Amino acid sequence: MSQIASKTYEPTPARRVAFLGLGVMGYPMAGHLARAGHHVTVYNRSAAKAAAWLAECPGNASAPTPREAAANADIVFACVGNDADLRSVVLGPDGAFAGMKPGATFVDHTTASAEVARELYAQAQKLGLNFVDAPVSGGQGGAQNGVLTVMCGGDQAAFDDARPAAMAFSRAFTLLGESGAGQLAKMVNQICIAGLVQGLSEAVAFGQAAGLDMHQVLDVIGKGAAQSWQMDNRGKTMADDKFDFGFAVDWMRKDLGLVLDEAKRNGARLPVTALVDQFYADVQKMGGGRWDTSSLIRRLR
């Protein structure tokens, strides 16, 4: 079954692009670029995943190193795991920066630190390259359907260069400030989600303890002030104790670690976020590292 849903694409000039990282997000994102008419060269640590992607998107290419994938590309997109993974595909003799042509743009969709975004932006400037930090929100479903929300930091010209192609997998692609602003905005996003999921967990657990039909209750309160994306998309699966999908607890803890590290630097007080991070640690101890983030409710049962 394809991981890339059908979508209607806005006509844009075809570009030569590279995509580094074919995980649950990158695989469909790269597919949307190919289906929108861009010529895509992919790189993935597992060659088998690259081969599977090429079978779905024939007429494109794969490369054995980030440097070779990035050669001659107008735009290089990446979506990998963390700061260390990002540095490994960008820097060094086999990294993308070593292969990119002058004036090309690197767009990083990894949820990483603002610090690494600024570091790579500065290195790109020295090499005559552009760098945009552009973490995404919308999860695996958003990537598969090509409707991600993308929060960007960097220079206007680089953003303008990347945006038409990136709209192949986005519903919003927005510049929020200088280098690092995209990563900081993603941290704001994760702070919001952490509090919402804990509140929804408590609400569902309370309603069930009170003997209510929570499917019915969620239908009713979802039409009022309590409505949220989390309620609409996770409330009933929480009530049904289903968590084998979505955004993994391990990934959320990685993201909240970035949030809490940044808060130490900027002095922000995040008592609820810090507490929910520890609740997610409890879920990991229960064996739920790969459960969806809505599995917070299992702590309450």
C-alpha atoms as a PDB file:
ATOM      1  CA  MET A   1       0.000   0.000   0.000  1.00  0.00           C
ATOM      2  CA  SER A   2       1.387   3.428  -0.967  1.00  0.00           C
ATOM      3  CA  GLN A   3       2.483   5.785   1.793  1.00  0.00           C
ATOM      4  CA  ILE A   4       1.732   8.752  -0.485  1.00  0.00           C
ATOM      5  CA  ALA A   5      -1.892   9.840  -0.798  1.00  0.00           C
ATOM      6  CA  SER A   6      -3.234  11.497  -3.939  1.00  0.00           C
ATOM      7  CA  LYS A   7      -3.219  15.296  -3.995  1.00  0.00           C
ATOM      8  CA  THR A   8      -3.858  18.099  -6.476  1.00  0.00           C
ATOM      9  CA  TYR A   9      -0.666  20.125  -6.939  1.00  0.00           C
ATOM     10  CA  GLU A  10      -0.378  23.783  -7.846  1.00  0.00           C
ATOM     11  CA  PRO A  11       1.582  24.227 -11.109  1.00  0.00           C
ATOM     12  CA  THR A  12       5.174  25.263 -10.320  1.00  0.00           C
ATOM     13  CA  PRO A  13       8.390  25.248 -12.348  1.00  0.00           C
ATOM     14  CA  ALA A  14      10.099  21.864 -12.127  1.00  0.00           C
ATOM     15  CA  ARG A  15      13.216  21.933  -9.936  1.00  0.00           C
ATOM     16  CA  ARG A  16      16.059  19.528  -9.347  1.00  0.00           C
ATOM     17  CA  VAL A  17      15.765  18.605  -5.684  1.00  0.00           C
ATOM     18  CA  ALA A  18      17.282  16.152  -3.226  1.00  0.00           C
ATOM     19  CA  PHE A  19      15.613  14.619  -0.196  1.00  0.00           C
ATOM     20  CA  LEU A  20      17.677  13.218   2.663  1.00  0.00           C
ATOM     21  CA  GLY A  21      15.914  10.818   5.030  1.00  0.00           C
ATOM     22  CA  LEU A  22      13.034   8.540   4.052  1.00  0.00           C
ATOM     23  CA  GLY A  23      11.430   7.874   7.415  1.00  0.00           C
ATOM     24  CA  VAL A  24       7.714   7.983   8.146  1.00  0.00           C
ATOM     25  CA  MET A  25       7.698  11.705   7.306  1.00  0.00           C
ATOM     26  CA  GLY A  26      10.380  12.014   4.635  1.00  0.00           C
ATOM     27  CA  TYR A  27       9.201   9.116   2.474  1.00  0.00           C
ATOM     28  CA  PRO A  28       5.814  10.661   1.597  1.00  0.00           C
ATOM     29  CA  MET A  29       7.200  14.219   1.544  1.00  0.00           C
ATOM     30  CA  ALA A  30       9.728  13.213  -1.124  1.00  0.00           C
ATOM     31  CA  GLY A  31       6.956  11.389  -2.960  1.00  0.00           C
ATOM     32  CA  HIS A  32       4.812  14.503  -3.156  1.00  0.00           C
ATOM     33  CA  LEU A  33       7.757  16.439  -4.603  1.00  0.00           C
ATOM     34  CA  ALA A  34       8.171  13.792  -7.304  1.00  0.00           C
ATOM     35  CA  ARG A  35       4.447  13.646  -8.082  1.00  0.00           C
ATOM     36  CA  ALA A  36       4.349  17.432  -8.351  1.00  0.00           C
ATOM     37  CA  GLY A  37       6.796  17.156 -11.257  1.00  0.00           C
ATOM     38  CA  HIS A  38      10.150  17.846  -9.613  1.00  0.00           C
ATOM     39  CA  HIS A  39      13.128  15.600 -10.326  1.00  0.00           C
ATOM     40  CA  VAL A  40      14.052  14.081  -6.967  1.00  0.00           C
ATOM     41  CA  THR A  41      17.226  12.337  -5.875  1.00  0.00           C
ATOM     42  CA  VAL A  42      16.849  10.617  -2.514  1.00  0.00           C
ATOM     43  CA  TYR A  43      19.326   9.476   0.108  1.00  0.00           C
ATOM     44  CA  ASN A  44      18.571   7.150   3.003  1.00  0.00           C
ATOM     45  CA  ARG A  45      20.848   5.207   5.342  1.00  0.00           C
ATOM     46  CA  SER A  46      18.930   2.071   4.374  1.00  0.00           C
ATOM     47  CA  ALA A  47      19.294   1.505   0.642  1.00  0.00           C
ATOM     48  CA  ALA A  48      16.267  -0.802   0.725  1.00  0.00           C
ATOM     49  CA  LYS A  49      14.008   2.084   1.741  1.00  0.00           C
ATOM     50  CA  ALA A  50      15.383   4.188  -1.136  1.00  0.00           C
ATOM     51  CA  ALA A  51      14.722   1.315  -3.540  1.00  0.00           C
ATOM     52  CA  ALA A  52      11.139   0.990  -2.296  1.00  0.00           C
ATOM     53  CA  TRP A  53      10.619   4.734  -2.764  1.00  0.00           C
ATOM     54  CA  LEU A  54      11.967   4.579  -6.326  1.00  0.00           C
ATOM     55  CA  ALA A  55       9.554   1.754  -7.109  1.00  0.00           C
ATOM     56  CA  GLU A  56       6.710   4.114  -6.134  1.00  0.00           C
ATOM     57  CA  CYS A  57       8.236   7.133  -7.882  1.00  0.00           C
ATOM     58  CA  PRO A  58       9.941   5.855 -11.047  1.00  0.00           C
ATOM     59  CA  GLY A  59      11.966   8.244 -13.155  1.00  0.00           C
ATOM     60  CA  ASN A  60      13.743   9.749 -10.164  1.00  0.00           C
ATOM     61  CA  ALA A  61      17.037   8.677  -8.578  1.00  0.00           C
ATOM     62  CA  SER A  62      18.842   7.657  -5.412  1.00  0.00           C
ATOM     63  CA  ALA A  63      22.400   8.276  -4.282  1.00  0.00           C
ATOM     64  CA  PRO A  64      24.708   6.476  -1.834  1.00  0.00           C
ATOM     65  CA  THR A  65      25.751   9.610   0.080  1.00  0.00           C
ATOM     66  CA  PRO A  66      24.160  12.962   0.948  1.00  0.00           C
ATOM     67  CA  ARG A  67      26.919  14.701  -1.018  1.00  0.00           C
ATOM     68  CA  GLU A  68      26.064  12.816  -4.206  1.00  0.00           C
ATOM     69  CA  ALA A  69      22.338  13.306  -3.696  1.00  0.00           C
ATOM     70  CA  ALA A  70      22.828  17.063  -3.290  1.00  0.00           C
ATOM     71  CA  ALA A  71      25.072  17.507  -6.334  1.00  0.00           C
ATOM     72  CA  ASN A  72      23.394  19.800  -8.910  1.00  0.00           C
ATOM     73  CA  ALA A  73      20.232  20.155  -6.810  1.00  0.00           C
ATOM     74  CA  ASP A  74      18.529  23.541  -6.630  1.00  0.00           C
ATOM     75  CA  ILE A  75      17.004  22.656  -3.244  1.00  0.00           C
ATOM     76  CA  VAL A  76      18.035  19.994  -0.753  1.00  0.00           C
ATOM     77  CA  PHE A  77      15.355  18.909   1.729  1.00  0.00           C
ATOM     78  CA  ALA A  78      16.110  16.839   4.830  1.00  0.00           C
ATOM     79  CA  CYS A  79      14.044  15.162   7.514  1.00  0.00           C
ATOM     80  CA  VAL A  80      16.101  13.076   9.938  1.00  0.00           C
ATOM     81  CA  GLY A  81      16.005  12.218  13.629  1.00  0.00           C
ATOM     82  CA  ASN A  82      17.901  14.752  15.729  1.00  0.00           C
ATOM     83  CA  ASP A  83      20.797  17.224  15.874  1.00  0.00           C
ATOM     84  CA  ALA A  84      23.447  14.520  15.508  1.00  0.00           C
ATOM     85  CA  ASP A  85      21.681  12.906  12.549  1.00  0.00           C
ATOM     86  CA  LEU A  86      21.313  16.307  10.915  1.00  0.00           C
ATOM     87  CA  ARG A  87      25.003  17.155  11.274  1.00  0.00           C
ATOM     88  CA  SER A  88      25.893  13.723   9.859  1.00  0.00           C
ATOM     89  CA  VAL A  89      24.001  14.326   6.599  1.00  0.00           C
ATOM     90  CA  VAL A  90      25.023  17.982   6.232  1.00  0.00           C
ATOM     91  CA  LEU A  91      28.654  18.257   7.309  1.00  0.00           C
ATOM     92  CA  GLY A  92      31.856  16.372   6.486  1.00  0.00           C
ATOM     93  CA  PRO A  93      33.306  15.119   3.199  1.00  0.00           C
ATOM     94  CA  ASP A  94      30.180  13.081   2.359  1.00  0.00           C
ATOM     95  CA  GLY A  95      27.707  15.653   3.692  1.00  0.00           C
ATOM     96  CA  ALA A  96      25.261  17.617   1.580  1.00  0.00           C
ATOM     97  CA  PHE A  97      27.099  20.937   1.960  1.00  0.00           C
ATOM     98  CA  ALA A  98      30.164  19.397   0.296  1.00  0.00           C
ATOM     99  CA  GLY A  99      28.142  18.602  -2.812  1.00  0.00           C
ATOM    100  CA  MET A 100      25.789  21.572  -3.137  1.00  0.00           C
ATOM    101  CA  LYS A 101      26.338  24.138  -5.860  1.00  0.00           C
ATOM    102  CA  PRO A 102      26.755  27.816  -4.898  1.00  0.00           C
ATOM    103  CA  GLY A 103      23.435  29.538  -4.286  1.00  0.00           C
ATOM    104  CA  ALA A 104      21.515  26.303  -3.645  1.00  0.00           C
ATOM    105  CA  THR A 105      19.101  26.139  -0.705  1.00  0.00           C
ATOM    106  CA  PHE A 106      19.058  23.579   2.108  1.00  0.00           C
ATOM    107  CA  VAL A 107      15.689  23.170   3.865  1.00  0.00           C
ATOM    108  CA  ASP A 108      15.753  21.202   7.114  1.00  0.00           C
ATOM    109  CA  HIS A 109      12.469  19.642   8.239  1.00  0.00           C
ATOM    110  CA  THR A 110      14.002  17.851  11.240  1.00  0.00           C
ATOM    111  CA  THR A 111      12.679  18.849  14.640  1.00  0.00           C
ATOM    112  CA  ALA A 112      16.035  19.906  16.055  1.00  0.00           C
ATOM    113  CA  SER A 113      17.503  22.586  18.301  1.00  0.00           C
ATOM    114  CA  ALA A 114      17.535  26.261  17.413  1.00  0.00           C
ATOM    115  CA  GLU A 115      21.256  26.094  18.212  1.00  0.00           C
ATOM    116  CA  VAL A 116      22.023  23.596  15.430  1.00  0.00           C
ATOM    117  CA  ALA A 117      19.855  25.584  13.016  1.00  0.00           C
ATOM    118  CA  ARG A 118      21.936  28.706  13.660  1.00  0.00           C
ATOM    119  CA  GLU A 119      25.167  26.716  13.442  1.00  0.00           C
ATOM    120  CA  LEU A 120      24.297  25.264  10.037  1.00  0.00           C
ATOM    121  CA  TYR A 121      22.949  28.575   8.776  1.00  0.00           C
ATOM    122  CA  ALA A 122      26.309  30.214   9.606  1.00  0.00           C
ATOM    123  CA  GLN A 123      28.232  27.404   7.916  1.00  0.00           C
ATOM    124  CA  ALA A 124      26.023  27.647   4.832  1.00  0.00           C
ATOM    125  CA  GLN A 125      26.653  31.390   4.606  1.00  0.00           C
ATOM    126  CA  LYS A 126      30.412  30.786   4.598  1.00  0.00           C
ATOM    127  CA  LEU A 127      29.998  28.365   1.685  1.00  0.00           C
ATOM    128  CA  GLY A 128      27.709  30.576  -0.376  1.00  0.00           C
ATOM    129  CA  LEU A 129      24.675  28.405   0.355  1.00  0.00           C
ATOM    130  CA  ASN A 130      21.241  29.108   1.844  1.00  0.00           C
ATOM    131  CA  PHE A 131      19.784  27.368   4.905  1.00  0.00           C
ATOM    132  CA  VAL A 132      16.193  27.370   6.182  1.00  0.00           C
ATOM    133  CA  ASP A 133      15.138  25.605   9.390  1.00  0.00           C
ATOM    134  CA  ALA A 134      11.638  24.345   8.671  1.00  0.00           C
ATOM    135  CA  PRO A 135      10.221  21.835  11.186  1.00  0.00           C
ATOM    136  CA  VAL A 136       6.762  20.501  10.455  1.00  0.00           C
ATOM    137  CA  SER A 137       3.508  19.814  12.267  1.00  0.00           C
ATOM    138  CA  GLY A 138       0.768  17.462  11.142  1.00  0.00           C
ATOM    139  CA  GLY A 139       2.279  14.064  11.836  1.00  0.00           C
ATOM    140  CA  GLN A 140       2.501  11.043   9.598  1.00  0.00           C
ATOM    141  CA  GLY A 141      -1.006  11.614   8.245  1.00  0.00           C
ATOM    142  CA  GLY A 142      -0.153  15.178   7.293  1.00  0.00           C
ATOM    143  CA  ALA A 143       2.956  13.999   5.456  1.00  0.00           C
ATOM    144  CA  GLN A 144       1.103  11.246   3.615  1.00  0.00           C
ATOM    145  CA  ASN A 145      -1.688  13.611   2.570  1.00  0.00           C
ATOM    146  CA  GLY A 146       0.658  16.485   1.714  1.00  0.00           C
ATOM    147  CA  VAL A 147      -0.916  18.940   4.174  1.00  0.00           C
ATOM    148  CA  LEU A 148       1.859  19.696   6.660  1.00  0.00           C
ATOM    149  CA  THR A 149       2.188  23.007   8.468  1.00  0.00           C
ATOM    150  CA  VAL A 150       5.774  24.223   8.125  1.00  0.00           C
ATOM    151  CA  MET A 151       7.392  26.797  10.441  1.00  0.00           C
ATOM    152  CA  CYS A 152      10.441  28.455   8.908  1.00  0.00           C
ATOM    153  CA  GLY A 153      13.434  30.472  10.049  1.00  0.00           C
ATOM    154  CA  GLY A 154      16.005  32.072   7.744  1.00  0.00           C
ATOM    155  CA  ASP A 155      16.400  34.650   5.020  1.00  0.00           C
ATOM    156  CA  GLN A 156      13.495  35.850   2.889  1.00  0.00           C
ATOM    157  CA  ALA A 157      15.217  35.041  -0.402  1.00  0.00           C
ATOM    158  CA  ALA A 158      15.958  31.456   0.629  1.00  0.00           C
ATOM    159  CA  PHE A 159      12.412  31.017   1.897  1.00  0.00           C
ATOM    160  CA  ASP A 160      10.988  32.383  -1.370  1.00  0.00           C
ATOM    161  CA  ASP A 161      13.209  29.993  -3.346  1.00  0.00           C
ATOM    162  CA  ALA A 162      12.027  26.934  -1.424  1.00  0.00           C
ATOM    163  CA  ARG A 163       8.343  27.685  -0.883  1.00  0.00           C
ATOM    164  CA  PRO A 164       6.836  26.809  -4.310  1.00  0.00           C
ATOM    165  CA  ALA A 165       8.372  23.330  -4.306  1.00  0.00           C
ATOM    166  CA  ALA A 166       7.664  22.749  -0.598  1.00  0.00           C
ATOM    167  CA  MET A 167       3.956  23.442  -1.106  1.00  0.00           C
ATOM    168  CA  ALA A 168       3.829  19.991  -2.735  1.00  0.00           C
ATOM    169  CA  PHE A 169       3.654  18.532   0.795  1.00  0.00           C
ATOM    170  CA  SER A 170       2.410  21.564   2.747  1.00  0.00           C
ATOM    171  CA  ARG A 171      -0.797  23.425   3.377  1.00  0.00           C
ATOM    172  CA  ALA A 172       1.080  26.299   5.049  1.00  0.00           C
ATOM    173  CA  PHE A 173       4.752  27.224   4.665  1.00  0.00           C
ATOM    174  CA  THR A 174       5.460  30.345   6.691  1.00  0.00           C
ATOM    175  CA  LEU A 175       8.561  32.420   7.471  1.00  0.00           C
ATOM    176  CA  LEU A 176       8.527  33.379  11.159  1.00  0.00           C
ATOM    177  CA  GLY A 177      11.861  35.123  11.575  1.00  0.00           C
ATOM    178  CA  GLU A 178      15.597  34.734  11.324  1.00  0.00           C
ATOM    179  CA  SER A 179      17.544  31.487  11.577  1.00  0.00           C
ATOM    180  CA  GLY A 180      16.262  29.341  14.464  1.00  0.00           C
ATOM    181  CA  ALA A 181      12.772  30.856  14.496  1.00  0.00           C
ATOM    182  CA  GLY A 182      11.262  27.796  12.845  1.00  0.00           C
ATOM    183  CA  GLN A 183      12.655  25.484  15.505  1.00  0.00           C
ATOM    184  CA  LEU A 184      11.506  27.807  18.285  1.00  0.00           C
ATOM    185  CA  ALA A 185       7.991  27.921  16.811  1.00  0.00           C
ATOM    186  CA  LYS A 186       7.933  24.101  16.704  1.00  0.00           C
ATOM    187  CA  MET A 187       8.808  24.128  20.405  1.00  0.00           C
ATOM    188  CA  VAL A 188       5.804  26.371  21.050  1.00  0.00           C
ATOM    189  CA  ASN A 189       3.712  23.842  19.117  1.00  0.00           C
ATOM    190  CA  GLN A 190       4.942  20.935  21.247  1.00  0.00           C
ATOM    191  CA  ILE A 191       4.337  22.836  24.494  1.00  0.00           C
ATOM    192  CA  CYS A 192       0.719  23.350  23.426  1.00  0.00           C
ATOM    193  CA  ILE A 193       0.274  19.699  22.492  1.00  0.00           C
ATOM    194  CA  ALA A 194       1.774  18.368  25.741  1.00  0.00           C
ATOM    195  CA  GLY A 195      -0.683  20.304  27.897  1.00  0.00           C
ATOM    196  CA  LEU A 196      -3.658  19.517  25.659  1.00  0.00           C
ATOM    197  CA  VAL A 197      -3.010  15.774  25.626  1.00  0.00           C
ATOM    198  CA  GLN A 198      -2.653  15.610  29.402  1.00  0.00           C
ATOM    199  CA  GLY A 199      -5.873  17.593  29.878  1.00  0.00           C
ATOM    200  CA  LEU A 200      -7.715  15.369  27.409  1.00  0.00           C
ATOM    201  CA  SER A 201      -6.350  12.252  29.133  1.00  0.00           C
ATOM    202  CA  GLU A 202      -7.671  13.416  32.482  1.00  0.00           C
ATOM    203  CA  ALA A 203     -11.027  14.353  30.971  1.00  0.00           C
ATOM    204  CA  VAL A 204     -11.539  10.985  29.272  1.00  0.00           C
ATOM    205  CA  ALA A 205     -10.382   9.041  32.340  1.00  0.00           C
ATOM    206  CA  PHE A 206     -12.684  11.103  34.576  1.00  0.00           C
ATOM    207  CA  GLY A 207     -15.670  10.583  32.286  1.00  0.00           C
ATOM    208  CA  GLN A 208     -15.113   6.853  32.135  1.00  0.00           C
ATOM    209  CA  ALA A 209     -14.768   6.643  35.933  1.00  0.00           C
ATOM    210  CA  ALA A 210     -18.086   8.496  36.170  1.00  0.00           C
ATOM    211  CA  GLY A 211     -19.747   5.934  33.899  1.00  0.00           C
ATOM    212  CA  LEU A 212     -20.329   8.240  30.918  1.00  0.00           C
ATOM    213  CA  ASP A 213     -20.423   7.144  27.282  1.00  0.00           C
ATOM    214  CA  MET A 214     -17.287   9.023  26.272  1.00  0.00           C
ATOM    215  CA  HIS A 215     -17.877   8.719  22.534  1.00  0.00           C
ATOM    216  CA  GLN A 216     -21.158  10.542  23.020  1.00  0.00           C
ATOM    217  CA  VAL A 217     -19.662  13.065  25.438  1.00  0.00           C
ATOM    218  CA  LEU A 218     -16.794  13.851  23.055  1.00  0.00           C
ATOM    219  CA  ASP A 219     -19.257  14.386  20.207  1.00  0.00           C
ATOM    220  CA  VAL A 220     -21.116  16.907  22.344  1.00  0.00           C
ATOM    221  CA  ILE A 221     -18.244  18.854  23.908  1.00  0.00           C
ATOM    222  CA  GLY A 222     -16.341  18.775  20.616  1.00  0.00           C
ATOM    223  CA  LYS A 223     -18.907  21.282  19.331  1.00  0.00           C
ATOM    224  CA  GLY A 224     -18.073  23.739  22.129  1.00  0.00           C
ATOM    225  CA  ALA A 225     -15.155  25.534  23.724  1.00  0.00           C
ATOM    226  CA  ALA A 226     -13.284  22.315  24.613  1.00  0.00           C
ATOM    227  CA  GLN A 227     -12.812  21.410  20.944  1.00  0.00           C
ATOM    228  CA  SER A 228      -9.253  20.817  19.707  1.00  0.00           C
ATOM    229  CA  TRP A 229      -7.408  18.814  17.054  1.00  0.00           C
ATOM    230  CA  GLN A 230      -6.382  16.382  19.766  1.00  0.00           C
ATOM    231  CA  MET A 231      -9.997  15.877  20.843  1.00  0.00           C
ATOM    232  CA  ASP A 232     -11.213  15.434  17.279  1.00  0.00           C
ATOM    233  CA  ASN A 233      -8.463  12.994  16.291  1.00  0.00           C
ATOM    234  CA  ARG A 234      -7.442  11.266  19.521  1.00  0.00           C
ATOM    235  CA  GLY A 235     -10.311  11.505  22.025  1.00  0.00           C
ATOM    236  CA  LYS A 236     -12.230   8.423  20.901  1.00  0.00           C
ATOM    237  CA  THR A 237      -9.115   6.304  20.347  1.00  0.00           C
ATOM    238  CA  MET A 238      -8.038   7.230  23.891  1.00  0.00           C
ATOM    239  CA  ALA A 239     -11.424   6.086  25.170  1.00  0.00           C
ATOM    240  CA  ASP A 240     -10.948   2.833  23.228  1.00  0.00           C
ATOM    241  CA  ASP A 241      -7.369   2.340  24.506  1.00  0.00           C
ATOM    242  CA  LYS A 242      -5.856   2.333  20.998  1.00  0.00           C
ATOM    243  CA  PHE A 243      -2.351   3.751  20.547  1.00  0.00           C
ATOM    244  CA  ASP A 244      -0.622   1.746  17.792  1.00  0.00           C
ATOM    245  CA  PHE A 245      -0.343   4.715  15.392  1.00  0.00           C
ATOM    246  CA  GLY A 246       0.566   8.379  15.235  1.00  0.00           C
ATOM    247  CA  PHE A 247       3.397  10.360  16.845  1.00  0.00           C
ATOM    248  CA  ALA A 248       5.481   8.164  19.132  1.00  0.00           C
ATOM    249  CA  VAL A 249       6.144   8.925  22.787  1.00  0.00           C
ATOM    250  CA  ASP A 250       9.901   8.523  22.156  1.00  0.00           C
ATOM    251  CA  TRP A 251       9.758  11.319  19.589  1.00  0.00           C
ATOM    252  CA  MET A 252       7.726  13.548  21.865  1.00  0.00           C
ATOM    253  CA  ARG A 253      10.231  13.127  24.676  1.00  0.00           C
ATOM    254  CA  LYS A 254      13.020  14.099  22.275  1.00  0.00           C
ATOM    255  CA  ASP A 255      11.082  17.213  21.311  1.00  0.00           C
ATOM    256  CA  LEU A 256      10.263  18.136  24.917  1.00  0.00           C
ATOM    257  CA  GLY A 257      13.926  17.720  25.801  1.00  0.00           C
ATOM    258  CA  LEU A 258      14.717  20.388  23.202  1.00  0.00           C
ATOM    259  CA  VAL A 259      11.984  22.590  24.679  1.00  0.00           C
ATOM    260  CA  LEU A 260      13.241  22.287  28.236  1.00  0.00           C
ATOM    261  CA  ASP A 261      16.864  22.885  27.213  1.00  0.00           C
ATOM    262  CA  GLU A 262      15.836  26.046  25.369  1.00  0.00           C
ATOM    263  CA  ALA A 263      13.783  27.199  28.365  1.00  0.00           C
ATOM    264  CA  LYS A 264      16.907  26.989  30.526  1.00  0.00           C
ATOM    265  CA  ARG A 265      18.612  29.340  28.084  1.00  0.00           C
ATOM    266  CA  ASN A 266      15.813  31.884  27.679  1.00  0.00           C
ATOM    267  CA  GLY A 267      14.444  31.781  31.223  1.00  0.00           C
ATOM    268  CA  ALA A 268      10.907  30.667  30.317  1.00  0.00           C
ATOM    269  CA  ARG A 269       9.014  28.885  33.080  1.00  0.00           C
ATOM    270  CA  LEU A 270       7.356  25.666  31.893  1.00  0.00           C
ATOM    271  CA  PRO A 271       6.007  23.830  34.958  1.00  0.00           C
ATOM    272  CA  VAL A 272       3.256  21.925  33.136  1.00  0.00           C
ATOM    273  CA  THR A 273       5.506  20.964  30.229  1.00  0.00           C
ATOM    274  CA  ALA A 274       8.193  19.670  32.592  1.00  0.00           C
ATOM    275  CA  LEU A 275       5.589  17.604  34.471  1.00  0.00           C
ATOM    276  CA  VAL A 276       4.095  16.124  31.295  1.00  0.00           C
ATOM    277  CA  ASP A 277       7.598  15.226  30.106  1.00  0.00           C
ATOM    278  CA  GLN A 278       7.980  13.128  33.254  1.00  0.00           C
ATOM    279  CA  PHE A 279       4.577  11.565  32.624  1.00  0.00           C
ATOM    280  CA  TYR A 280       5.828  10.516  29.187  1.00  0.00           C
ATOM    281  CA  ALA A 281       8.894   9.017  30.902  1.00  0.00           C
ATOM    282  CA  ASP A 282       6.445   6.909  32.924  1.00  0.00           C
ATOM    283  CA  VAL A 283       4.800   5.728  29.682  1.00  0.00           C
ATOM    284  CA  GLN A 284       8.211   4.742  28.324  1.00  0.00           C
ATOM    285  CA  LYS A 285       8.816   2.670  31.470  1.00  0.00           C
ATOM    286  CA  MET A 286       5.498   0.941  30.776  1.00  0.00           C
ATOM    287  CA  GLY A 287       6.887  -0.139  27.384  1.00  0.00           C
ATOM    288  CA  GLY A 288       5.066   2.569  25.467  1.00  0.00           C
ATOM    289  CA  GLY A 289       7.924   4.322  23.695  1.00  0.00           C
ATOM    290  CA  ARG A 290       6.341   3.655  20.301  1.00  0.00           C
ATOM    291  CA  TRP A 291       2.752   4.290  21.375  1.00  0.00           C
ATOM    292  CA  ASP A 292       1.026   7.441  20.174  1.00  0.00           C
ATOM    293  CA  THR A 293       1.373  10.469  22.466  1.00  0.00           C
ATOM    294  CA  SER A 294      -2.282  10.098  23.452  1.00  0.00           C
ATOM    295  CA  SER A 295      -1.217   7.058  25.493  1.00  0.00           C
ATOM    296  CA  LEU A 296      -0.675   9.418  28.433  1.00  0.00           C
ATOM    297  CA  ILE A 297      -4.093   8.227  29.589  1.00  0.00           C
ATOM    298  CA  ARG A 298      -2.661   4.787  30.406  1.00  0.00           C
ATOM    299  CA  ARG A 299      -0.882   6.333  33.404  1.00  0.00           C
ATOM    300  CA  LEU A 300      -4.319   7.133  34.849  1.00  0.00           C
ATOM    301  CA  ARG A 301      -5.813   3.654  34.498  1.00  0.00           C
END
